[in-house]
Amino acid sequence: MKTSPRLGLLRDFDYRQLFASTTVSQFGVHITQLAIPLVAILALHASPLEVGLLTALATAPFLVVGLPAGAWVDRMRRRTVLIVGDLGRGAVLASVPLAWWMDALTIWQLYAAAFAFGVFHVFFDVAYQSYLPHLVGRTNLVEGNSKLEAVRATADLSGPAVAGQMIRMLGLPVALLVNAVVMAASAIFIARIRKHEDKPARRPDAHLVREIREGLRFVLGHRLLLAIVTCTATFNLLSSAYGAMLILYLPRYLGLDAGTIGLVLTVGGAGGLVGAFTARRFAGWVGQGPAIWVSVAVTSPFMLLMPLLAEPGWRLWVAAAGAFVVSIGIVVYNVTQVSFRQALTPDHLLGRMNATVRFLVFGTMPLGGLLGGVLGEVLGVRTALLVIAIGSCFAFLPVFLSPLRTMRTLPTQPDEPDPAPQPAQV
C-alpha cells in the first residue's frame, strides 16, 4: 500500500473509515467510563465495594469469553464482528436511561449492563486489532497503530471534558442515550469499508478447545510475548484498582462535580497524545525493546501524586499533571508492544493471539476492581490509592528482566525464533 508522506494511511478510504469509527467510538467510551460509575455513586449512592464490583463486572467478560472469542473471531469476517459489537454496545447503553426514566433502575441492572457491554467490547477489541493487518498490511502497522493511538489520545485529552460537560448540561440519562447513538455511528463507518474480506476457511479438523490451546501455546511459549503479557497484566490489575477508587475519590472525598472531574481526567489523558506522536521516534532512539520497559518504568511513579498531593485548588492540578506523564508512558508502551505482537503473529492466529493476550492482561482487571473496592473499605480511599500506586511502580520488572531489556530490534516475521539480544545504545 503506497501512501502520501504527509497524510500517510489517511489517504486510503478504508483506513479513513476505521479512523473515523475510532474517533467517534472513543468519545463514546469516555462518556461510558464517566457516566456509569457516576450513576452508581450519585444516583444509587453506591459504596466503595459496590463501585469496585461494578468495575470488576465491566471487565469480567475478558475472563469469561476472552479465549473462545479469539477462536470464534478467526472463523468470521472481522468487519462483521466490529459492526455487531458497536450496535450491541449501543443497545446496552440505551437500556440504562430507559430504566432510569421508568424509575426502575437498580444497582443490579448497572451490574448487568456493565457485564453485557463488556462482552460486546471483548469481541470488538479482538476483531479490531486482528482486522488492522488485513486493512493496511504488516509494513504499515506502526503508522496505523500510531494514528489510531493519536485518536485515542485526543479522546483522552478532550473526551472526559466533553463527557463531563454533557453530563452537567444534559444529565446522566441523556448523556448515556447520546452515547448509544455514537456507537451506532461508529458501526456505520465500519460498514462503509469497501475492501473485500474473505470468510476464513474452516479447517476440517476445527475444534474450539484445540484452537484456544494453539493461541495459548503461541503466546505463552514465546518468551518475549510472555514478558510483555506479565508486565501488562500486572499494570492492568493495579490500574483497574486505582481507577475504581479514583472515580469515587474525586466526587465523594474532594467534592468535585462532573464537569471538574472531566477536566481532571482530560489533563491526565492529554499525555497520551504526546505519547502517540513520539512513540516511533522514542523507539528509534532507545531501541524497540528498551522503549517497552522504559516507557512505564519512568512514568509510573507519577501516579503517587494524586493520593499524596491532591486537594481542591492548585494541588489538584499538579496531581492531574502527574497523570499526564503516566499517560505518555502508557501510550508509548502500547504502540510499541501492540505493533510488535501484530507483526510477529501469522494471519491465521491473529484473532487467537489477541484474544489470548486480552484474556491474560484484561483478565486481571476484574480482580483489580475488587481489590480496589476491598482496599477502599479497609484502608480508606486515599490510602488505597497510595498503596496501589506504589505497587504500579514495579510493574515494569517482567520486561526489564527479559531479553527485551537490551534488544534494539524485535523480530517481525511470523514464527521467527527469538534472536540473540542486541545491546541497546542509549
Protein backbone atom coordinates (compact mmCIF):
# COMPACT_ATOMS: atom_id res chain seq x y z
CA MET A 1 0.00 0.00 0.00
CA LYS A 2 1.55 3.31 -1.12
CA THR A 3 0.73 6.38 0.89
CA SER A 4 1.43 10.10 0.75
CA PRO A 5 4.25 11.22 3.04
CA ARG A 6 2.02 13.93 4.51
CA LEU A 7 -1.20 12.07 5.15
CA GLY A 8 0.09 8.53 5.00
CA LEU A 9 -2.63 5.97 5.56
CA LEU A 10 -5.30 8.66 5.87
CA ARG A 11 -5.28 8.92 2.06
CA ASP A 12 -6.73 5.40 1.96
CA PHE A 13 -10.57 5.41 2.02
CA ASP A 14 -10.96 2.24 4.05
CA TYR A 15 -8.45 3.28 6.67
CA ARG A 16 -10.24 6.64 6.96
CA GLN A 17 -13.46 4.81 7.83
CA LEU A 18 -11.70 2.86 10.57
CA PHE A 19 -10.10 6.11 11.73
CA ALA A 20 -13.49 7.87 11.83
CA SER A 21 -15.10 4.94 13.63
CA THR A 22 -12.33 5.01 16.22
CA THR A 23 -12.75 8.77 16.67
CA VAL A 24 -16.46 8.73 17.45
CA SER A 25 -16.43 5.50 19.47
CA GLN A 26 -13.55 6.68 21.68
CA PHE A 27 -15.57 9.70 22.71
CA GLY A 28 -18.46 7.34 23.42
CA VAL A 29 -16.21 5.19 25.59
CA HIS A 30 -15.27 8.21 27.70
CA ILE A 31 -18.93 9.06 28.25
CA THR A 32 -19.48 5.47 29.41
CA GLN A 33 -16.44 5.41 31.68
CA LEU A 34 -17.56 8.57 33.45
CA ALA A 35 -21.35 8.22 33.35
CA ILE A 36 -21.87 4.61 34.51
CA PRO A 37 -19.85 4.95 37.75
CA LEU A 38 -21.41 8.34 38.44
CA VAL A 39 -24.88 6.82 38.08
CA ALA A 40 -23.90 4.31 40.76
CA ILE A 41 -22.25 6.89 43.03
CA LEU A 42 -24.60 9.86 42.71
CA ALA A 43 -27.96 8.30 41.88
CA LEU A 44 -27.72 4.95 43.67
CA HIS A 45 -25.29 6.01 46.47
CA ALA A 46 -23.00 3.03 45.91
CA SER A 47 -20.36 2.06 48.48
CA PRO A 48 -16.64 1.61 47.61
CA LEU A 49 -17.16 -2.15 47.41
CA GLU A 50 -20.14 -1.74 45.05
CA VAL A 51 -18.14 0.60 42.82
CA GLY A 52 -15.30 -1.93 42.81
CA LEU A 53 -17.72 -4.70 41.88
CA LEU A 54 -19.12 -2.57 39.05
CA THR A 55 -15.59 -2.07 37.72
CA ALA A 56 -14.94 -5.79 38.04
CA LEU A 57 -18.07 -6.79 36.11
CA ALA A 58 -17.22 -4.38 33.29
CA THR A 59 -14.01 -6.31 32.62
CA ALA A 60 -15.08 -9.80 33.75
CA PRO A 61 -16.03 -10.81 30.16
CA PHE A 62 -12.33 -10.93 29.31
CA LEU A 63 -12.14 -13.87 31.71
CA VAL A 64 -15.47 -15.45 30.75
CA VAL A 65 -15.40 -15.24 26.94
CA GLY A 66 -11.92 -13.89 26.23
CA LEU A 67 -10.34 -17.12 24.99
CA PRO A 68 -13.19 -18.54 22.89
CA ALA A 69 -13.77 -15.08 21.39
CA GLY A 70 -10.42 -15.31 19.62
CA ALA A 71 -11.20 -18.69 18.08
CA TRP A 72 -14.66 -17.50 17.00
CA VAL A 73 -13.30 -14.26 15.51
CA ASP A 74 -10.75 -16.25 13.49
CA ARG A 75 -13.72 -18.09 11.92
CA MET A 76 -15.66 -14.94 10.97
CA ARG A 77 -15.31 -11.80 8.90
CA ARG A 78 -13.83 -9.30 11.34
CA ARG A 79 -15.65 -6.34 9.81
CA THR A 80 -18.98 -8.00 10.67
CA VAL A 81 -17.86 -8.60 14.25
CA LEU A 82 -16.96 -4.91 14.59
CA ILE A 83 -20.39 -3.77 13.37
CA VAL A 84 -22.27 -6.14 15.67
CA GLY A 85 -20.04 -5.13 18.58
CA ASP A 86 -20.82 -1.44 18.10
CA LEU A 87 -24.56 -1.98 17.74
CA GLY A 88 -24.63 -4.28 20.78
CA ARG A 89 -22.80 -1.76 22.94
CA GLY A 90 -25.20 0.95 21.85
CA ALA A 91 -28.26 -1.14 22.73
CA VAL A 92 -26.89 -1.94 26.20
CA LEU A 93 -26.17 1.71 26.94
CA ALA A 94 -29.65 2.77 25.82
CA SER A 95 -31.21 0.40 28.37
CA VAL A 96 -29.86 2.41 31.34
CA PRO A 97 -31.59 5.77 30.68
CA LEU A 98 -34.78 3.95 29.70
CA ALA A 99 -34.85 2.20 33.09
CA TRP A 100 -33.97 5.50 34.81
CA TRP A 101 -36.94 7.29 33.23
CA MET A 102 -39.22 4.41 34.22
CA ASP A 103 -37.93 4.75 37.81
CA ALA A 104 -36.81 1.12 37.66
CA LEU A 105 -33.01 1.48 37.68
CA THR A 106 -31.13 -0.56 40.29
CA ILE A 107 -27.50 -1.36 41.00
CA TRP A 108 -28.20 -4.86 39.69
CA GLN A 109 -29.16 -3.51 36.28
CA LEU A 110 -25.98 -1.46 36.23
CA TYR A 111 -24.03 -4.63 37.01
CA ALA A 112 -25.80 -6.46 34.15
CA ALA A 113 -25.29 -3.56 31.73
CA ALA A 114 -21.60 -3.30 32.60
CA PHE A 115 -21.13 -7.03 32.02
CA ALA A 116 -23.10 -7.11 28.75
CA PHE A 117 -21.24 -4.04 27.44
CA GLY A 118 -18.01 -5.84 28.31
CA VAL A 119 -18.99 -8.95 26.32
CA PHE A 120 -19.58 -6.92 23.16
CA HIS A 121 -16.38 -4.97 23.86
CA VAL A 122 -14.33 -8.18 24.06
CA PHE A 123 -15.42 -9.30 20.60
CA PHE A 124 -14.99 -5.80 19.19
CA ASP A 125 -11.49 -5.43 20.63
CA VAL A 126 -10.26 -8.83 19.42
CA ALA A 127 -11.62 -8.22 15.91
CA TYR A 128 -10.31 -4.65 15.85
CA GLN A 129 -6.64 -5.48 16.33
CA SER A 130 -6.93 -8.57 14.14
CA TYR A 131 -8.51 -6.50 11.33
CA LEU A 132 -5.82 -3.83 11.07
CA PRO A 133 -3.11 -6.02 9.43
CA HIS A 134 -5.66 -7.06 6.77
CA LEU A 135 -6.60 -3.44 6.14
CA VAL A 136 -3.16 -1.77 5.97
CA GLY A 137 -0.60 -4.57 5.59
CA ARG A 138 2.14 -5.51 8.01
CA THR A 139 4.62 -2.88 6.78
CA ASN A 140 2.22 -0.09 7.79
CA LEU A 141 1.32 -1.40 11.24
CA VAL A 142 3.35 1.08 13.29
CA GLU A 143 1.93 4.02 11.35
CA GLY A 144 -1.59 2.58 11.50
CA ASN A 145 -1.41 1.95 15.25
CA SER A 146 0.23 5.33 15.91
CA LYS A 147 -2.54 7.23 14.12
CA LEU A 148 -5.23 5.25 15.92
CA GLU A 149 -3.46 5.78 19.25
CA ALA A 150 -3.35 9.51 18.41
CA VAL A 151 -7.13 9.37 18.09
CA ARG A 152 -7.39 7.58 21.42
CA ALA A 153 -5.06 10.12 23.00
CA THR A 154 -7.08 13.01 21.55
CA ALA A 155 -10.20 11.44 23.02
CA ASP A 156 -8.33 11.05 26.32
CA LEU A 157 -7.46 14.75 26.06
CA SER A 158 -10.92 16.13 25.30
CA GLY A 159 -13.28 13.19 25.87
CA PRO A 160 -13.55 13.42 29.67
CA ALA A 161 -14.16 17.17 29.48
CA VAL A 162 -16.80 16.71 26.79
CA ALA A 163 -18.37 13.89 28.79
CA GLY A 164 -18.34 15.92 31.99
CA GLN A 165 -19.92 18.95 30.35
CA MET A 166 -22.52 16.77 28.61
CA ILE A 167 -23.46 15.19 31.93
CA ARG A 168 -23.57 18.61 33.61
CA MET A 169 -25.79 20.15 30.90
CA LEU A 170 -27.92 17.20 29.77
CA GLY A 171 -27.93 14.97 32.84
CA LEU A 172 -26.68 11.42 33.17
CA PRO A 173 -29.51 9.61 31.34
CA VAL A 174 -29.44 11.84 28.24
CA ALA A 175 -25.64 11.61 28.07
CA LEU A 176 -25.88 7.83 28.04
CA LEU A 177 -28.53 7.93 25.31
CA VAL A 178 -26.28 10.17 23.20
CA ASN A 179 -23.52 7.65 23.75
CA ALA A 180 -25.73 4.88 22.35
CA VAL A 181 -26.22 6.95 19.19
CA VAL A 182 -22.46 7.50 18.95
CA MET A 183 -21.87 3.74 18.99
CA ALA A 184 -24.36 3.33 16.13
CA ALA A 185 -22.46 6.00 14.15
CA SER A 186 -19.24 4.04 14.69
CA ALA A 187 -20.91 0.96 13.19
CA ILE A 188 -21.94 2.96 10.11
CA PHE A 189 -18.34 3.98 9.42
CA ILE A 190 -17.17 0.37 9.67
CA ALA A 191 -19.96 -0.69 7.30
CA ARG A 192 -18.59 1.75 4.68
CA ILE A 193 -15.26 -0.07 4.40
CA ARG A 194 -15.01 -1.42 0.86
CA LYS A 195 -12.01 -3.76 0.97
CA HIS A 196 -13.18 -7.32 0.48
CA GLU A 197 -12.53 -9.71 3.31
CA ASP A 198 -12.89 -13.41 2.59
CA LYS A 199 -14.55 -15.52 5.22
CA PRO A 200 -11.79 -17.65 6.75
CA ALA A 201 -11.91 -21.22 5.53
CA ARG A 202 -12.81 -23.56 8.34
CA ARG A 203 -10.38 -26.40 8.75
CA PRO A 204 -11.91 -29.89 8.50
CA ASP A 205 -10.48 -30.74 11.90
CA ALA A 206 -11.56 -27.45 13.51
CA HIS A 207 -12.11 -27.81 17.22
CA LEU A 208 -12.72 -24.90 19.61
CA VAL A 209 -10.65 -26.24 22.52
CA ARG A 210 -7.76 -27.14 20.22
CA GLU A 211 -7.83 -23.68 18.62
CA ILE A 212 -7.85 -21.98 22.01
CA ARG A 213 -4.92 -24.15 23.04
CA GLU A 214 -2.99 -23.11 19.93
CA GLY A 215 -3.42 -19.45 20.84
CA LEU A 216 -2.29 -20.06 24.42
CA ARG A 217 0.70 -22.08 23.26
CA PHE A 218 1.79 -19.36 20.83
CA VAL A 219 1.64 -16.57 23.42
CA LEU A 220 2.92 -18.41 26.49
CA GLY A 221 5.56 -20.28 24.51
CA HIS A 222 7.26 -17.13 23.23
CA ARG A 223 9.49 -15.65 25.91
CA LEU A 224 9.18 -12.07 24.64
CA LEU A 225 5.39 -12.20 24.44
CA LEU A 226 5.25 -13.80 27.89
CA ALA A 227 7.28 -10.95 29.39
CA ILE A 228 5.00 -8.34 27.80
CA VAL A 229 1.87 -10.15 28.94
CA THR A 230 3.12 -10.42 32.53
CA CYS A 231 4.03 -6.73 32.65
CA THR A 232 0.72 -5.62 31.13
CA ALA A 233 -1.36 -7.94 33.31
CA THR A 234 0.30 -6.61 36.47
CA PHE A 235 -0.14 -2.99 35.46
CA ASN A 236 -3.78 -3.55 34.46
CA LEU A 237 -4.54 -5.25 37.78
CA LEU A 238 -3.27 -2.23 39.68
CA SER A 239 -4.57 0.47 37.33
CA SER A 240 -8.06 -1.06 37.46
CA ALA A 241 -7.95 -0.93 41.27
CA TYR A 242 -6.64 2.64 41.08
CA GLY A 243 -9.30 3.76 38.61
CA ALA A 244 -12.14 2.28 40.65
CA MET A 245 -11.11 4.27 43.70
CA LEU A 246 -10.18 7.44 41.79
CA ILE A 247 -13.67 7.83 40.31
CA LEU A 248 -15.02 7.54 43.87
CA TYR A 249 -12.33 9.76 45.43
CA LEU A 250 -12.85 12.75 43.15
CA PRO A 251 -16.58 13.40 43.75
CA ARG A 252 -17.09 12.00 47.24
CA TYR A 253 -13.85 12.97 49.02
CA LEU A 254 -12.72 16.03 47.05
CA GLY A 255 -16.25 17.24 46.36
CA LEU A 256 -15.79 17.71 42.60
CA ASP A 257 -18.74 17.90 40.20
CA ALA A 258 -18.95 16.00 36.90
CA GLY A 259 -17.58 18.91 34.86
CA THR A 260 -14.49 19.33 37.04
CA ILE A 261 -13.90 15.57 37.14
CA GLY A 262 -13.99 15.58 33.36
CA LEU A 263 -11.37 18.34 33.24
CA VAL A 264 -9.10 16.48 35.68
CA LEU A 265 -9.30 13.34 33.56
CA THR A 266 -8.71 15.44 30.43
CA VAL A 267 -5.45 16.81 31.80
CA GLY A 268 -4.35 13.29 32.64
CA GLY A 269 -5.30 11.90 29.26
CA ALA A 270 -3.56 14.70 27.34
CA GLY A 271 -0.23 12.98 27.83
CA GLY A 272 -1.41 10.15 25.63
CA LEU A 273 -1.43 12.49 22.63
CA VAL A 274 2.22 13.30 23.27
CA GLY A 275 2.95 9.59 23.58
CA ALA A 276 1.21 8.76 20.30
CA PHE A 277 3.24 11.31 18.35
CA THR A 278 6.57 10.42 19.96
CA ALA A 279 6.30 6.61 20.22
CA ARG A 280 8.01 5.81 16.92
CA ARG A 281 10.80 8.36 17.46
CA PHE A 282 11.36 7.22 21.04
CA ALA A 283 11.58 3.56 19.97
CA GLY A 284 14.07 4.53 17.26
CA TRP A 285 16.17 6.40 19.80
CA VAL A 286 16.38 3.87 22.65
CA GLY A 287 15.52 0.70 20.69
CA GLN A 288 12.23 -1.17 20.48
CA GLY A 289 12.85 -3.44 23.46
CA PRO A 290 14.02 -0.71 25.86
CA ALA A 291 11.14 1.54 24.71
CA ILE A 292 8.67 -1.01 26.11
CA TRP A 293 10.02 -1.07 29.65
CA VAL A 294 11.47 2.44 29.96
CA SER A 295 8.13 3.99 28.99
CA VAL A 296 6.38 2.56 32.06
CA ALA A 297 9.30 2.46 34.50
CA VAL A 298 9.95 6.20 34.25
CA THR A 299 6.34 7.39 34.25
CA SER A 300 4.53 5.10 36.73
CA PRO A 301 5.85 6.85 39.90
CA PHE A 302 3.85 9.95 38.94
CA MET A 303 0.70 8.05 39.98
CA LEU A 304 1.75 8.81 43.57
CA LEU A 305 0.92 12.50 43.19
CA MET A 306 -2.86 12.02 43.30
CA PRO A 307 -3.09 10.36 46.76
CA LEU A 308 -0.14 12.32 48.18
CA LEU A 309 -0.97 15.80 46.93
CA ALA A 310 -4.50 16.23 45.59
CA GLU A 311 -6.74 18.74 47.37
CA PRO A 312 -9.20 21.24 45.90
CA GLY A 313 -7.21 24.08 44.33
CA TRP A 314 -3.82 24.19 42.61
CA ARG A 315 -2.62 20.94 44.20
CA LEU A 316 -5.34 19.05 42.36
CA TRP A 317 -3.97 20.22 39.02
CA VAL A 318 -0.40 19.29 39.93
CA ALA A 319 -1.67 15.78 40.67
CA ALA A 320 -3.51 15.80 37.33
CA ALA A 321 -0.23 16.76 35.65
CA GLY A 322 1.26 13.59 37.14
CA ALA A 323 -1.45 11.60 35.38
CA PHE A 324 -0.43 13.44 32.19
CA VAL A 325 3.05 11.95 32.48
CA VAL A 326 1.69 8.48 33.23
CA SER A 327 -0.47 8.52 30.10
CA ILE A 328 2.56 9.37 27.93
CA GLY A 329 4.25 6.18 29.10
CA ILE A 330 1.14 4.03 28.64
CA VAL A 331 0.64 5.07 25.01
CA VAL A 332 4.32 4.68 24.08
CA TYR A 333 4.22 1.22 25.67
CA ASN A 334 1.03 0.26 23.84
CA VAL A 335 2.12 1.46 20.38
CA THR A 336 5.42 -0.39 20.64
CA GLN A 337 4.25 -3.70 22.06
CA VAL A 338 0.99 -3.95 20.07
CA SER A 339 2.80 -3.32 16.78
CA PHE A 340 5.34 -5.97 17.73
CA ARG A 341 2.65 -8.53 18.53
CA GLN A 342 0.78 -7.90 15.29
CA ALA A 343 3.92 -8.13 13.15
CA LEU A 344 5.08 -11.30 14.86
CA THR A 345 1.86 -13.31 14.55
CA PRO A 346 0.75 -15.34 11.47
CA ASP A 347 -2.56 -14.23 9.94
CA HIS A 348 -4.44 -17.38 10.92
CA LEU A 349 -3.51 -16.86 14.58
CA LEU A 350 -4.14 -13.11 14.90
CA GLY A 351 -7.58 -13.44 16.48
CA ARG A 352 -6.45 -16.07 18.95
CA MET A 353 -3.25 -14.22 19.78
CA ASN A 354 -5.15 -11.00 20.51
CA ALA A 355 -7.84 -12.87 22.45
CA THR A 356 -5.27 -14.81 24.47
CA VAL A 357 -3.34 -11.66 25.31
CA ARG A 358 -6.54 -9.88 26.28
CA PHE A 359 -7.66 -12.82 28.38
CA LEU A 360 -4.39 -12.75 30.26
CA VAL A 361 -3.90 -8.97 30.60
CA PHE A 362 -7.51 -7.79 30.90
CA GLY A 363 -8.49 -10.84 32.93
CA THR A 364 -6.69 -9.26 35.88
CA MET A 365 -8.87 -6.14 35.71
CA PRO A 366 -11.96 -7.64 37.41
CA LEU A 367 -9.68 -8.72 40.23
CA GLY A 368 -8.25 -5.21 40.26
CA GLY A 369 -11.68 -3.65 40.60
CA LEU A 370 -12.46 -5.92 43.53
CA LEU A 371 -9.03 -5.28 45.02
CA GLY A 372 -9.61 -1.53 44.86
CA GLY A 373 -13.03 -1.88 46.48
CA VAL A 374 -11.71 -4.04 49.31
CA LEU A 375 -8.71 -1.77 49.95
CA GLY A 376 -11.03 1.26 49.90
CA GLU A 377 -13.31 -0.31 52.50
CA VAL A 378 -10.46 -1.47 54.75
CA LEU A 379 -7.85 1.30 54.40
CA GLY A 380 -9.88 4.25 53.20
CA VAL A 381 -9.94 5.51 49.64
CA ARG A 382 -6.88 7.82 49.79
CA THR A 383 -4.66 5.19 51.45
CA ALA A 384 -5.87 2.58 48.97
CA LEU A 385 -4.82 4.85 46.08
CA LEU A 386 -1.37 5.29 47.63
CA VAL A 387 -0.79 1.56 48.14
CA ILE A 388 -1.91 0.76 44.59
CA ALA A 389 0.29 3.49 43.11
CA ILE A 390 3.36 2.15 44.93
CA GLY A 391 2.71 -1.31 43.52
CA SER A 392 2.39 0.10 39.98
CA CYS A 393 5.94 1.41 40.15
CA PHE A 394 7.22 -2.18 39.94
CA ALA A 395 5.01 -3.43 37.08
CA PHE A 396 7.80 -2.96 34.50
CA LEU A 397 10.05 -5.63 36.07
CA PRO A 398 8.93 -8.64 33.93
CA VAL A 399 10.01 -6.84 30.75
CA PHE A 400 13.15 -5.41 32.35
CA LEU A 401 14.24 -8.89 33.47
CA SER A 402 13.70 -10.36 29.96
CA PRO A 403 15.85 -10.14 26.79
CA LEU A 404 13.72 -7.14 25.79
CA ARG A 405 15.79 -5.03 28.17
CA THR A 406 18.58 -4.63 25.59
CA MET A 407 17.03 -5.61 22.24
CA ARG A 408 17.09 -2.68 19.82
CA THR A 409 15.24 -4.57 17.06
CA LEU A 410 12.41 -7.05 17.66
CA PRO A 411 11.51 -9.98 15.36
CA THR A 412 8.85 -9.15 12.75
CA GLN A 413 8.46 -12.34 10.73
CA PRO A 414 5.74 -14.83 11.76
CA ASP A 415 7.10 -17.81 13.65
CA GLU A 416 10.60 -16.33 13.63
CA PRO A 417 12.69 -17.67 16.53
CA ASP A 418 13.81 -15.27 19.18
CA PRO A 419 17.04 -13.57 18.12
CA ALA A 420 20.04 -13.16 20.34
CA PRO A 421 19.80 -9.96 22.37
CA GLN A 422 21.46 -6.93 20.75
CA PRO A 423 22.77 -4.36 23.23
CA ALA A 424 20.91 -1.08 23.22
CA GLN A 425 22.89 2.07 22.56
CA VAL A 426 21.33 4.71 24.73
